N, C-alpha and C. Protein backbone atom coordinates (compact mmCIF):
# COMPACT_ATOMS: atom_id res chain seq x y z
N MET A 1 0.85 -1.20 0.00
CA MET A 1 0.00 0.00 0.00
C MET A 1 0.88 1.24 0.00
N THR A 2 0.54 2.21 -0.83
CA THR A 2 1.30 3.46 -0.85
C THR A 2 0.89 4.33 0.33
N ALA A 3 1.83 5.16 0.75
CA ALA A 3 1.57 6.04 1.88
C ALA A 3 1.52 7.48 1.41
N ARG A 4 0.70 8.29 2.11
CA ARG A 4 0.63 9.70 1.79
C ARG A 4 1.41 10.50 2.82
N GLY A 5 2.20 11.44 2.31
CA GLY A 5 2.94 12.33 3.19
C GLY A 5 1.99 13.36 3.76
N PRO A 6 2.49 14.26 4.64
CA PRO A 6 1.63 15.22 5.33
C PRO A 6 0.89 16.17 4.39
N ARG A 7 1.42 16.44 3.19
CA ARG A 7 0.76 17.36 2.26
C ARG A 7 0.14 16.62 1.08
N GLY A 8 0.10 15.32 1.13
CA GLY A 8 -0.63 14.59 0.12
C GLY A 8 0.15 13.88 -0.97
N PRO A 9 1.50 14.09 -1.16
CA PRO A 9 2.16 13.35 -2.23
C PRO A 9 2.11 11.84 -1.96
N ILE A 10 1.98 11.08 -3.01
CA ILE A 10 1.92 9.63 -2.87
C ILE A 10 3.33 9.08 -2.84
N LEU A 11 3.73 8.50 -1.73
CA LEU A 11 5.08 8.00 -1.53
C LEU A 11 5.15 6.54 -1.98
N ALA A 12 6.03 6.25 -2.91
CA ALA A 12 6.17 4.87 -3.39
C ALA A 12 6.89 4.02 -2.35
N PRO A 13 6.40 2.84 -2.06
CA PRO A 13 7.11 1.96 -1.12
C PRO A 13 8.39 1.45 -1.75
N PRO A 14 9.33 0.98 -0.93
CA PRO A 14 10.57 0.42 -1.49
C PRO A 14 10.28 -0.73 -2.45
N HIS A 15 11.08 -0.79 -3.50
CA HIS A 15 10.91 -1.86 -4.48
C HIS A 15 11.42 -3.18 -3.92
N THR A 16 10.65 -4.23 -4.08
CA THR A 16 11.05 -5.57 -3.65
C THR A 16 11.40 -6.39 -4.88
N PRO A 17 12.67 -6.81 -5.03
CA PRO A 17 13.03 -7.61 -6.21
C PRO A 17 12.21 -8.89 -6.29
N VAL A 18 11.94 -9.32 -7.50
CA VAL A 18 11.14 -10.52 -7.73
C VAL A 18 12.03 -11.61 -8.32
N SER A 19 11.56 -12.85 -8.26
CA SER A 19 12.37 -13.98 -8.71
C SER A 19 12.10 -14.37 -10.15
N GLY A 20 10.93 -14.00 -10.68
CA GLY A 20 10.53 -14.44 -12.00
C GLY A 20 9.55 -15.60 -11.95
N HIS A 21 9.40 -16.21 -10.78
CA HIS A 21 8.49 -17.35 -10.65
C HIS A 21 7.09 -16.91 -10.21
N GLU A 22 6.91 -15.63 -9.98
CA GLU A 22 5.61 -15.14 -9.53
C GLU A 22 4.55 -15.38 -10.61
N PRO A 23 3.41 -15.97 -10.24
CA PRO A 23 2.37 -16.27 -11.24
C PRO A 23 1.45 -15.07 -11.47
N PHE A 24 0.89 -15.00 -12.66
CA PHE A 24 -0.18 -14.06 -12.94
C PHE A 24 -1.47 -14.57 -12.28
N SER A 25 -2.36 -13.67 -12.00
CA SER A 25 -3.68 -14.04 -11.52
C SER A 25 -4.64 -14.01 -12.71
N GLY A 26 -5.20 -15.16 -13.04
CA GLY A 26 -6.12 -15.25 -14.17
C GLY A 26 -5.44 -15.60 -15.47
N LEU A 27 -4.16 -15.99 -15.40
CA LEU A 27 -3.41 -16.36 -16.61
C LEU A 27 -2.40 -17.43 -16.24
N GLU A 28 -2.32 -18.48 -17.07
CA GLU A 28 -1.35 -19.53 -16.81
C GLU A 28 0.01 -19.10 -17.35
N ALA A 29 0.66 -18.24 -16.61
CA ALA A 29 1.98 -17.73 -16.98
C ALA A 29 2.63 -17.14 -15.74
N THR A 30 3.93 -17.00 -15.81
CA THR A 30 4.68 -16.39 -14.71
C THR A 30 5.38 -15.13 -15.20
N LEU A 31 5.95 -14.41 -14.27
CA LEU A 31 6.71 -13.22 -14.63
C LEU A 31 7.87 -13.57 -15.56
N LEU A 32 8.46 -14.75 -15.37
CA LEU A 32 9.54 -15.19 -16.25
C LEU A 32 9.06 -15.32 -17.69
N ASP A 33 7.84 -15.76 -17.89
CA ASP A 33 7.29 -15.85 -19.24
C ASP A 33 7.21 -14.47 -19.88
N PHE A 34 6.83 -13.47 -19.08
CA PHE A 34 6.80 -12.10 -19.60
C PHE A 34 8.21 -11.64 -19.97
N TRP A 35 9.18 -11.90 -19.11
CA TRP A 35 10.56 -11.50 -19.42
C TRP A 35 11.03 -12.16 -20.71
N ARG A 36 10.71 -13.43 -20.90
CA ARG A 36 11.08 -14.11 -22.14
C ARG A 36 10.43 -13.43 -23.34
N PHE A 37 9.17 -13.05 -23.19
CA PHE A 37 8.44 -12.38 -24.26
C PHE A 37 9.06 -11.03 -24.59
N ALA A 38 9.41 -10.25 -23.57
CA ALA A 38 9.80 -8.85 -23.78
C ALA A 38 11.31 -8.63 -23.94
N MET A 39 12.11 -9.50 -23.36
CA MET A 39 13.54 -9.19 -23.24
C MET A 39 14.47 -10.32 -23.66
N SER A 40 13.97 -11.28 -24.42
CA SER A 40 14.81 -12.41 -24.81
C SER A 40 15.89 -12.04 -25.82
N ASP A 41 15.60 -11.06 -26.69
CA ASP A 41 16.52 -10.75 -27.77
C ASP A 41 17.56 -9.73 -27.29
N LEU A 42 18.73 -10.20 -26.98
CA LEU A 42 19.78 -9.34 -26.43
C LEU A 42 20.48 -8.52 -27.50
N ARG A 43 20.00 -8.58 -28.75
CA ARG A 43 20.56 -7.74 -29.81
C ARG A 43 19.83 -6.40 -29.91
N THR A 44 18.63 -6.31 -29.32
CA THR A 44 17.89 -5.05 -29.43
C THR A 44 18.59 -3.98 -28.60
N ASN A 45 18.50 -2.75 -29.05
CA ASN A 45 19.24 -1.68 -28.39
C ASN A 45 18.79 -1.44 -26.96
N THR A 46 17.48 -1.53 -26.72
CA THR A 46 17.00 -1.30 -25.36
C THR A 46 17.50 -2.36 -24.40
N VAL A 47 17.36 -3.62 -24.78
CA VAL A 47 17.78 -4.71 -23.89
C VAL A 47 19.30 -4.75 -23.78
N ARG A 48 20.00 -4.49 -24.85
CA ARG A 48 21.47 -4.45 -24.78
C ARG A 48 21.91 -3.36 -23.80
N GLY A 49 21.19 -2.24 -23.78
CA GLY A 49 21.51 -1.18 -22.82
C GLY A 49 21.29 -1.63 -21.39
N TYR A 50 20.17 -2.33 -21.13
CA TYR A 50 19.93 -2.86 -19.79
C TYR A 50 21.02 -3.86 -19.40
N LEU A 51 21.40 -4.70 -20.34
CA LEU A 51 22.43 -5.69 -20.06
C LEU A 51 23.75 -5.01 -19.71
N ALA A 52 24.12 -3.97 -20.46
CA ALA A 52 25.36 -3.25 -20.17
C ALA A 52 25.31 -2.63 -18.77
N GLU A 53 24.17 -2.06 -18.40
CA GLU A 53 24.03 -1.51 -17.05
C GLU A 53 24.22 -2.59 -16.01
N PHE A 54 23.62 -3.76 -16.25
CA PHE A 54 23.77 -4.88 -15.32
C PHE A 54 25.23 -5.30 -15.18
N LEU A 55 25.93 -5.39 -16.30
CA LEU A 55 27.34 -5.80 -16.25
C LEU A 55 28.18 -4.81 -15.46
N VAL A 56 27.95 -3.53 -15.68
CA VAL A 56 28.71 -2.51 -14.95
C VAL A 56 28.37 -2.56 -13.46
N ALA A 57 27.08 -2.71 -13.15
CA ALA A 57 26.68 -2.77 -11.75
C ALA A 57 27.34 -3.95 -11.04
N ARG A 58 27.33 -5.12 -11.68
CA ARG A 58 27.94 -6.30 -11.06
C ARG A 58 29.45 -6.13 -10.94
N ALA A 59 30.07 -5.52 -11.93
CA ALA A 59 31.53 -5.30 -11.85
C ALA A 59 31.88 -4.43 -10.65
N MET A 60 31.01 -3.46 -10.34
CA MET A 60 31.28 -2.53 -9.25
C MET A 60 30.77 -3.02 -7.91
N GLY A 61 30.09 -4.15 -7.89
CA GLY A 61 29.53 -4.66 -6.64
C GLY A 61 28.26 -3.94 -6.22
N ALA A 62 27.57 -3.31 -7.18
CA ALA A 62 26.31 -2.61 -6.90
C ALA A 62 25.16 -3.59 -7.14
N LEU A 63 24.49 -4.00 -6.10
CA LEU A 63 23.50 -5.07 -6.21
C LEU A 63 22.06 -4.57 -6.24
N ALA A 64 21.84 -3.28 -6.07
CA ALA A 64 20.48 -2.75 -6.11
C ALA A 64 19.91 -2.86 -7.52
N THR A 65 18.60 -2.93 -7.64
CA THR A 65 17.97 -2.93 -8.95
C THR A 65 18.02 -1.53 -9.54
N ARG A 66 17.91 -1.45 -10.89
CA ARG A 66 18.00 -0.16 -11.55
C ARG A 66 16.79 0.70 -11.21
N VAL A 67 17.02 2.01 -11.24
CA VAL A 67 15.95 2.98 -10.98
C VAL A 67 15.69 3.73 -12.28
N GLU A 68 14.49 3.57 -12.82
CA GLU A 68 14.18 4.08 -14.15
C GLU A 68 14.36 5.59 -14.26
N TRP A 69 13.99 6.34 -13.24
CA TRP A 69 13.96 7.80 -13.34
C TRP A 69 15.21 8.46 -12.79
N ASP A 70 16.19 7.69 -12.37
CA ASP A 70 17.37 8.29 -11.75
C ASP A 70 18.20 9.05 -12.77
N SER A 71 19.04 9.96 -12.30
CA SER A 71 19.84 10.80 -13.20
C SER A 71 21.16 10.14 -13.58
N TYR A 72 21.36 8.91 -13.18
CA TYR A 72 22.51 8.09 -13.58
C TYR A 72 22.04 6.64 -13.51
N ASP A 73 22.85 5.74 -14.02
CA ASP A 73 22.41 4.34 -14.15
C ASP A 73 22.83 3.44 -13.00
N VAL A 74 24.02 3.66 -12.47
CA VAL A 74 24.57 2.77 -11.44
C VAL A 74 25.20 3.63 -10.34
N LEU A 75 24.96 3.26 -9.09
CA LEU A 75 25.64 3.88 -7.96
C LEU A 75 26.50 2.83 -7.29
N SER A 76 27.80 3.03 -7.32
CA SER A 76 28.71 2.04 -6.75
C SER A 76 28.69 2.10 -5.23
N PRO A 77 29.21 1.08 -4.55
CA PRO A 77 29.27 1.13 -3.08
C PRO A 77 30.07 2.32 -2.56
N GLU A 78 30.97 2.87 -3.39
CA GLU A 78 31.75 4.05 -2.99
C GLU A 78 31.03 5.35 -3.34
N ASN A 79 29.77 5.24 -3.79
CA ASN A 79 28.96 6.39 -4.20
C ASN A 79 29.49 7.06 -5.47
N ILE A 80 30.07 6.29 -6.36
CA ILE A 80 30.43 6.78 -7.68
C ILE A 80 29.19 6.68 -8.56
N ARG A 81 28.76 7.81 -9.11
CA ARG A 81 27.59 7.83 -9.99
C ARG A 81 28.04 7.52 -11.41
N ILE A 82 27.47 6.48 -12.00
CA ILE A 82 27.95 5.97 -13.28
C ILE A 82 26.82 6.00 -14.30
N GLU A 83 27.09 6.60 -15.45
CA GLU A 83 26.18 6.54 -16.60
C GLU A 83 26.73 5.49 -17.57
N VAL A 84 25.86 4.62 -18.06
CA VAL A 84 26.29 3.53 -18.94
C VAL A 84 25.66 3.72 -20.32
N LYS A 85 26.49 3.66 -21.35
CA LYS A 85 26.03 3.73 -22.73
C LYS A 85 26.48 2.46 -23.44
N ALA A 86 25.59 1.87 -24.24
CA ALA A 86 25.90 0.61 -24.90
C ALA A 86 25.83 0.77 -26.41
N GLY A 87 26.56 -0.08 -27.10
CA GLY A 87 26.52 -0.09 -28.55
C GLY A 87 26.97 -1.44 -29.07
N GLY A 88 26.66 -1.70 -30.33
CA GLY A 88 27.07 -2.96 -30.94
C GLY A 88 26.95 -2.87 -32.44
N TYR A 89 27.46 -3.87 -33.13
CA TYR A 89 27.49 -3.89 -34.58
C TYR A 89 26.44 -4.81 -35.19
N VAL A 90 25.97 -5.78 -34.40
CA VAL A 90 24.94 -6.73 -34.86
C VAL A 90 23.60 -6.29 -34.28
N GLN A 91 22.59 -6.21 -35.14
CA GLN A 91 21.28 -5.73 -34.72
C GLN A 91 20.22 -6.82 -34.88
N ALA A 92 19.06 -6.57 -34.31
CA ALA A 92 17.97 -7.55 -34.38
C ALA A 92 17.25 -7.51 -35.72
N TRP A 93 17.47 -6.47 -36.52
CA TRP A 93 16.80 -6.35 -37.81
C TRP A 93 17.74 -6.75 -38.94
N THR A 94 17.21 -6.87 -40.16
CA THR A 94 18.01 -7.24 -41.32
C THR A 94 18.99 -6.12 -41.66
N GLN A 95 20.25 -6.48 -41.84
CA GLN A 95 21.28 -5.51 -42.18
C GLN A 95 21.97 -5.90 -43.48
N THR A 96 22.41 -4.93 -44.24
CA THR A 96 23.22 -5.23 -45.42
C THR A 96 24.69 -5.39 -45.04
N ARG A 97 25.06 -4.85 -43.90
CA ARG A 97 26.41 -4.97 -43.35
C ARG A 97 26.34 -4.65 -41.86
N PRO A 98 27.35 -5.01 -41.08
CA PRO A 98 27.32 -4.63 -39.66
C PRO A 98 27.18 -3.12 -39.51
N SER A 99 26.56 -2.70 -38.44
CA SER A 99 26.40 -1.27 -38.17
C SER A 99 27.76 -0.60 -38.07
N GLY A 100 27.79 0.69 -38.38
CA GLY A 100 29.02 1.45 -38.22
C GLY A 100 29.33 1.66 -36.74
N ASN A 101 30.43 2.34 -36.49
CA ASN A 101 30.81 2.59 -35.11
C ASN A 101 29.70 3.32 -34.38
N PRO A 102 29.42 2.93 -33.15
CA PRO A 102 28.33 3.58 -32.41
C PRO A 102 28.67 5.02 -32.04
N SER A 103 27.64 5.79 -31.76
CA SER A 103 27.82 7.14 -31.24
C SER A 103 26.70 7.41 -30.26
N TRP A 104 26.92 8.35 -29.38
CA TRP A 104 25.95 8.61 -28.32
C TRP A 104 25.79 10.11 -28.12
N ASP A 105 24.55 10.56 -28.01
CA ASP A 105 24.26 11.94 -27.62
C ASP A 105 23.95 11.93 -26.12
N ILE A 106 24.72 12.67 -25.37
CA ILE A 106 24.58 12.64 -23.91
C ILE A 106 23.95 13.94 -23.45
N PRO A 107 22.69 13.90 -23.00
CA PRO A 107 22.00 15.13 -22.63
C PRO A 107 22.41 15.64 -21.25
N GLN A 108 22.25 16.93 -21.08
CA GLN A 108 22.33 17.51 -19.75
C GLN A 108 20.93 17.44 -19.14
N THR A 109 20.84 16.93 -17.95
CA THR A 109 19.53 16.68 -17.34
C THR A 109 19.40 17.41 -16.01
N ILE A 110 18.16 17.45 -15.53
CA ILE A 110 17.87 18.01 -14.21
C ILE A 110 17.59 16.84 -13.28
N PRO A 111 18.27 16.74 -12.15
CA PRO A 111 18.02 15.62 -11.24
C PRO A 111 16.59 15.62 -10.71
N PHE A 112 16.08 14.44 -10.50
CA PHE A 112 14.75 14.23 -9.93
C PHE A 112 14.91 13.92 -8.45
N ASP A 113 14.13 14.57 -7.62
CA ASP A 113 14.19 14.35 -6.17
C ASP A 113 13.09 13.36 -5.77
N PRO A 114 13.46 12.13 -5.42
CA PRO A 114 12.44 11.13 -5.09
C PRO A 114 11.69 11.45 -3.80
N GLU A 115 12.26 12.31 -2.95
CA GLU A 115 11.58 12.65 -1.70
C GLU A 115 10.38 13.57 -1.93
N THR A 116 10.50 14.45 -2.93
CA THR A 116 9.42 15.40 -3.20
C THR A 116 8.61 15.03 -4.44
N GLY A 117 9.15 14.14 -5.28
CA GLY A 117 8.48 13.82 -6.53
C GLY A 117 8.60 14.92 -7.55
N LYS A 118 9.59 15.79 -7.40
CA LYS A 118 9.77 16.91 -8.30
C LYS A 118 11.22 16.99 -8.79
N TYR A 119 11.39 17.66 -9.92
CA TYR A 119 12.74 17.91 -10.41
C TYR A 119 13.34 19.10 -9.68
N LEU A 120 14.65 19.10 -9.56
CA LEU A 120 15.35 20.21 -8.92
C LEU A 120 15.32 21.44 -9.84
N PRO A 121 15.72 22.60 -9.35
CA PRO A 121 15.68 23.81 -10.18
C PRO A 121 16.52 23.70 -11.45
N GLU A 122 16.16 24.48 -12.45
CA GLU A 122 16.84 24.49 -13.75
C GLU A 122 18.34 24.70 -13.60
N ALA A 123 18.74 25.43 -12.58
CA ALA A 123 20.16 25.70 -12.36
C ALA A 123 20.96 24.43 -12.12
N GLN A 124 20.27 23.33 -11.76
CA GLN A 124 20.96 22.05 -11.51
C GLN A 124 21.16 21.24 -12.79
N ARG A 125 20.70 21.75 -13.93
CA ARG A 125 20.85 21.01 -15.18
C ARG A 125 22.34 20.84 -15.51
N GLY A 126 22.71 19.65 -15.91
CA GLY A 126 24.10 19.39 -16.27
C GLY A 126 24.32 17.90 -16.51
N PHE A 127 25.58 17.51 -16.59
CA PHE A 127 25.94 16.10 -16.71
C PHE A 127 26.02 15.55 -15.29
N GLN A 128 25.16 14.60 -14.96
CA GLN A 128 24.94 14.23 -13.57
C GLN A 128 25.88 13.14 -13.04
N ALA A 129 26.46 12.34 -13.92
CA ALA A 129 27.29 11.23 -13.46
C ALA A 129 28.73 11.69 -13.21
N ASP A 130 29.43 10.94 -12.37
CA ASP A 130 30.86 11.17 -12.14
C ASP A 130 31.69 10.49 -13.21
N VAL A 131 31.20 9.35 -13.68
CA VAL A 131 31.93 8.52 -14.63
C VAL A 131 30.96 8.03 -15.70
N TYR A 132 31.45 7.93 -16.94
CA TYR A 132 30.65 7.47 -18.07
C TYR A 132 31.33 6.24 -18.67
N VAL A 133 30.59 5.14 -18.71
CA VAL A 133 31.12 3.88 -19.25
C VAL A 133 30.44 3.61 -20.59
N PHE A 134 31.25 3.46 -21.63
CA PHE A 134 30.74 3.14 -22.97
C PHE A 134 31.07 1.67 -23.23
N ALA A 135 30.02 0.86 -23.24
CA ALA A 135 30.17 -0.58 -23.38
C ALA A 135 29.84 -0.98 -24.82
N VAL A 136 30.81 -1.57 -25.50
CA VAL A 136 30.64 -1.92 -26.91
C VAL A 136 30.76 -3.43 -27.07
N HIS A 137 29.71 -4.04 -27.64
CA HIS A 137 29.78 -5.46 -27.96
C HIS A 137 30.43 -5.60 -29.33
N GLU A 138 31.50 -6.37 -29.40
CA GLU A 138 32.39 -6.34 -30.56
C GLU A 138 32.04 -7.31 -31.68
N ALA A 139 31.10 -8.25 -31.48
CA ALA A 139 30.80 -9.24 -32.51
C ALA A 139 30.29 -8.56 -33.78
N ARG A 140 30.75 -9.08 -34.94
CA ARG A 140 30.33 -8.52 -36.23
C ARG A 140 29.36 -9.42 -36.99
N THR A 141 29.12 -10.64 -36.51
CA THR A 141 28.20 -11.54 -37.20
C THR A 141 27.26 -12.18 -36.17
N HIS A 142 26.08 -12.61 -36.64
CA HIS A 142 25.14 -13.29 -35.76
C HIS A 142 25.71 -14.62 -35.27
N ALA A 143 26.50 -15.27 -36.10
CA ALA A 143 27.08 -16.55 -35.71
C ALA A 143 28.02 -16.38 -34.52
N ASP A 144 28.70 -15.24 -34.46
CA ASP A 144 29.65 -14.99 -33.37
C ASP A 144 29.01 -14.34 -32.16
N TYR A 145 27.81 -13.80 -32.32
CA TYR A 145 27.22 -12.96 -31.28
C TYR A 145 26.87 -13.77 -30.04
N GLU A 146 27.52 -13.44 -28.93
CA GLU A 146 27.22 -14.05 -27.64
C GLU A 146 27.20 -12.94 -26.60
N ALA A 147 26.04 -12.39 -26.36
CA ALA A 147 25.94 -11.23 -25.47
C ALA A 147 26.38 -11.54 -24.05
N LEU A 148 26.29 -12.80 -23.63
CA LEU A 148 26.67 -13.18 -22.27
C LEU A 148 28.14 -13.55 -22.15
N ASN A 149 28.86 -13.49 -23.25
CA ASN A 149 30.30 -13.77 -23.24
C ASN A 149 31.04 -12.45 -22.99
N LEU A 150 31.55 -12.27 -21.81
CA LEU A 150 32.16 -10.99 -21.44
C LEU A 150 33.40 -10.68 -22.25
N ALA A 151 34.01 -11.71 -22.84
CA ALA A 151 35.18 -11.47 -23.68
C ALA A 151 34.82 -10.71 -24.95
N GLN A 152 33.53 -10.66 -25.30
CA GLN A 152 33.10 -9.95 -26.51
C GLN A 152 32.78 -8.48 -26.24
N TRP A 153 32.94 -8.03 -25.01
CA TRP A 153 32.65 -6.64 -24.66
C TRP A 153 33.94 -5.86 -24.43
N THR A 154 33.94 -4.60 -24.84
CA THR A 154 35.02 -3.67 -24.53
C THR A 154 34.40 -2.46 -23.84
N PHE A 155 35.11 -1.92 -22.85
CA PHE A 155 34.59 -0.82 -22.05
C PHE A 155 35.55 0.36 -22.09
N HIS A 156 35.00 1.53 -22.43
CA HIS A 156 35.76 2.78 -22.41
C HIS A 156 35.20 3.63 -21.27
N VAL A 157 36.07 4.13 -20.42
CA VAL A 157 35.64 4.83 -19.21
C VAL A 157 36.14 6.28 -19.26
N LEU A 158 35.20 7.22 -19.20
CA LEU A 158 35.53 8.64 -19.23
C LEU A 158 35.00 9.32 -17.98
N ASP A 159 35.67 10.37 -17.55
CA ASP A 159 35.14 11.13 -16.42
C ASP A 159 34.26 12.27 -16.93
N ARG A 160 33.62 12.96 -16.02
CA ARG A 160 32.67 14.00 -16.42
C ARG A 160 33.36 15.14 -17.17
N ALA A 161 34.56 15.49 -16.76
CA ALA A 161 35.27 16.58 -17.44
C ALA A 161 35.51 16.25 -18.91
N GLN A 162 35.79 14.99 -19.20
CA GLN A 162 36.00 14.60 -20.60
C GLN A 162 34.70 14.70 -21.40
N ILE A 163 33.58 14.40 -20.76
CA ILE A 163 32.28 14.55 -21.43
C ILE A 163 31.98 16.03 -21.66
N GLU A 164 32.23 16.83 -20.66
CA GLU A 164 31.96 18.27 -20.77
C GLU A 164 32.79 18.92 -21.87
N ALA A 165 33.95 18.35 -22.16
CA ALA A 165 34.84 18.93 -23.17
C ALA A 165 34.48 18.53 -24.59
N MET A 166 33.53 17.62 -24.76
CA MET A 166 33.17 17.17 -26.11
C MET A 166 32.34 18.22 -26.85
N PRO A 167 32.38 18.21 -28.20
CA PRO A 167 31.53 19.13 -28.98
C PRO A 167 30.06 18.94 -28.62
N ARG A 168 29.28 19.99 -28.81
CA ARG A 168 27.88 19.98 -28.42
C ARG A 168 26.97 19.98 -29.64
N GLY A 169 25.80 19.37 -29.45
CA GLY A 169 24.80 19.33 -30.51
C GLY A 169 23.53 20.03 -30.07
N VAL A 170 22.40 19.50 -30.53
CA VAL A 170 21.10 20.08 -30.21
C VAL A 170 20.88 20.07 -28.70
N ARG A 171 20.35 21.17 -28.17
CA ARG A 171 20.08 21.33 -26.74
C ARG A 171 21.34 21.07 -25.90
N ASN A 172 22.49 21.41 -26.48
CA ASN A 172 23.76 21.37 -25.75
C ASN A 172 24.16 19.96 -25.32
N GLN A 173 23.70 18.95 -26.04
CA GLN A 173 24.10 17.58 -25.74
C GLN A 173 25.57 17.36 -26.13
N ALA A 174 26.26 16.55 -25.36
CA ALA A 174 27.62 16.16 -25.72
C ALA A 174 27.56 15.12 -26.82
N LEU A 175 28.32 15.33 -27.90
CA LEU A 175 28.33 14.41 -29.03
C LEU A 175 29.50 13.44 -28.87
N ALA A 176 29.19 12.29 -28.31
CA ALA A 176 30.23 11.30 -28.02
C ALA A 176 30.31 10.29 -29.15
N THR A 177 31.01 10.63 -30.21
CA THR A 177 31.24 9.66 -31.28
C THR A 177 32.21 8.60 -30.77
N PHE A 178 32.18 7.44 -31.44
CA PHE A 178 33.08 6.37 -31.00
C PHE A 178 34.54 6.80 -31.14
N GLN A 179 34.86 7.56 -32.18
CA GLN A 179 36.23 8.03 -32.35
C GLN A 179 36.65 8.92 -31.19
N ARG A 180 35.78 9.82 -30.77
CA ARG A 180 36.12 10.69 -29.64
C ARG A 180 36.26 9.90 -28.35
N VAL A 181 35.35 8.95 -28.14
CA VAL A 181 35.42 8.11 -26.95
C VAL A 181 36.71 7.31 -26.94
N ARG A 182 37.03 6.71 -28.08
CA ARG A 182 38.22 5.87 -28.18
C ARG A 182 39.50 6.68 -27.99
N GLU A 183 39.50 7.92 -28.49
CA GLU A 183 40.67 8.79 -28.31
C GLU A 183 40.81 9.25 -26.87
N ALA A 184 39.68 9.38 -26.18
CA ALA A 184 39.71 9.87 -24.80
C ALA A 184 40.08 8.78 -23.80
N ALA A 185 39.76 7.52 -24.12
CA ALA A 185 40.00 6.44 -23.16
C ALA A 185 40.19 5.13 -23.90
N ARG A 186 41.24 4.42 -23.58
CA ARG A 186 41.48 3.12 -24.20
C ARG A 186 40.41 2.14 -23.74
N GLY A 187 40.13 1.16 -24.57
CA GLY A 187 39.18 0.13 -24.19
C GLY A 187 39.79 -0.87 -23.24
N VAL A 188 39.03 -1.31 -22.26
CA VAL A 188 39.51 -2.31 -21.32
C VAL A 188 38.56 -3.50 -21.28
N ALA A 189 39.07 -4.62 -20.85
CA ALA A 189 38.25 -5.82 -20.69
C ALA A 189 37.44 -5.72 -19.41
N TYR A 190 36.46 -6.61 -19.28
CA TYR A 190 35.53 -6.54 -18.15
C TYR A 190 36.25 -6.62 -16.81
N GLU A 191 37.24 -7.49 -16.70
CA GLU A 191 37.89 -7.66 -15.41
C GLU A 191 38.66 -6.41 -14.97
N ALA A 192 39.02 -5.56 -15.93
CA ALA A 192 39.74 -4.32 -15.59
C ALA A 192 38.81 -3.15 -15.35
N LEU A 193 37.51 -3.35 -15.56
CA LEU A 193 36.56 -2.25 -15.49
C LEU A 193 36.47 -1.59 -14.12
N PRO A 194 36.36 -2.33 -13.01
CA PRO A 194 36.23 -1.66 -11.71
C PRO A 194 37.39 -0.71 -11.40
N ALA A 195 38.60 -1.15 -11.65
CA ALA A 195 39.76 -0.29 -11.39
C ALA A 195 39.74 0.94 -12.26
N GLU A 196 39.29 0.77 -13.52
CA GLU A 196 39.26 1.90 -14.44
C GLU A 196 38.21 2.93 -14.01
N VAL A 197 37.08 2.44 -13.53
CA VAL A 197 36.03 3.34 -13.04
C VAL A 197 36.52 4.12 -11.83
N ARG A 198 37.13 3.43 -10.90
CA ARG A 198 37.62 4.10 -9.68
C ARG A 198 38.71 5.11 -10.02
N LYS A 199 39.59 4.76 -10.92
CA LYS A 199 40.65 5.71 -11.32
C LYS A 199 40.05 6.94 -11.98
N SER A 200 39.05 6.73 -12.82
CA SER A 200 38.41 7.85 -13.51
C SER A 200 37.68 8.74 -12.51
N ALA A 201 37.06 8.16 -11.51
CA ALA A 201 36.32 8.94 -10.51
C ALA A 201 37.25 9.81 -9.69
N GLU A 202 38.50 9.39 -9.55
CA GLU A 202 39.47 10.15 -8.75
C GLU A 202 40.16 11.25 -9.54
N SER A 203 39.98 11.25 -10.87
CA SER A 203 40.72 12.23 -11.70
C SER A 203 40.06 13.60 -11.65
């Protein structure tokens, strides 16, 4: 049951992680069946992005579930705020060739205050994360594509100052092309990711 604060805002209760075995009421199916229906294809950009966030969270020892409305994707146990961007060359749709190098537009956002249910003042607009991780799945063919094989991922880690220094596009977004990301930070394997994130956060 949701609770109301003294002035009436509806306070969301803490999220309780689920196992996937929870049954529907009135339908012979479980939550796992829904996940299979909605998120089985790890080549889609949305699901690949969720997977990249999960990989970064696990690398950093962050075990909380993702928060959809947060101003960053992962909060490490050391309180490092991490934004995760994903990309890949193999897609879920028909291609004439593998996709070109990925690129990302990184917006400046206004943090959302979960205590009040409101966004902070416009003056707080900016790049909210301390560290930005660009996760690229390197497979070029469907035959080779193994999203759960960590050896197929490369991670580039940039700090906020490096993002702020990038050229700007529409609405002052940082234009993080793969070339700019690669020039700013060498790619590292998954096992080296935690150290790279911590080093970037200290810079």
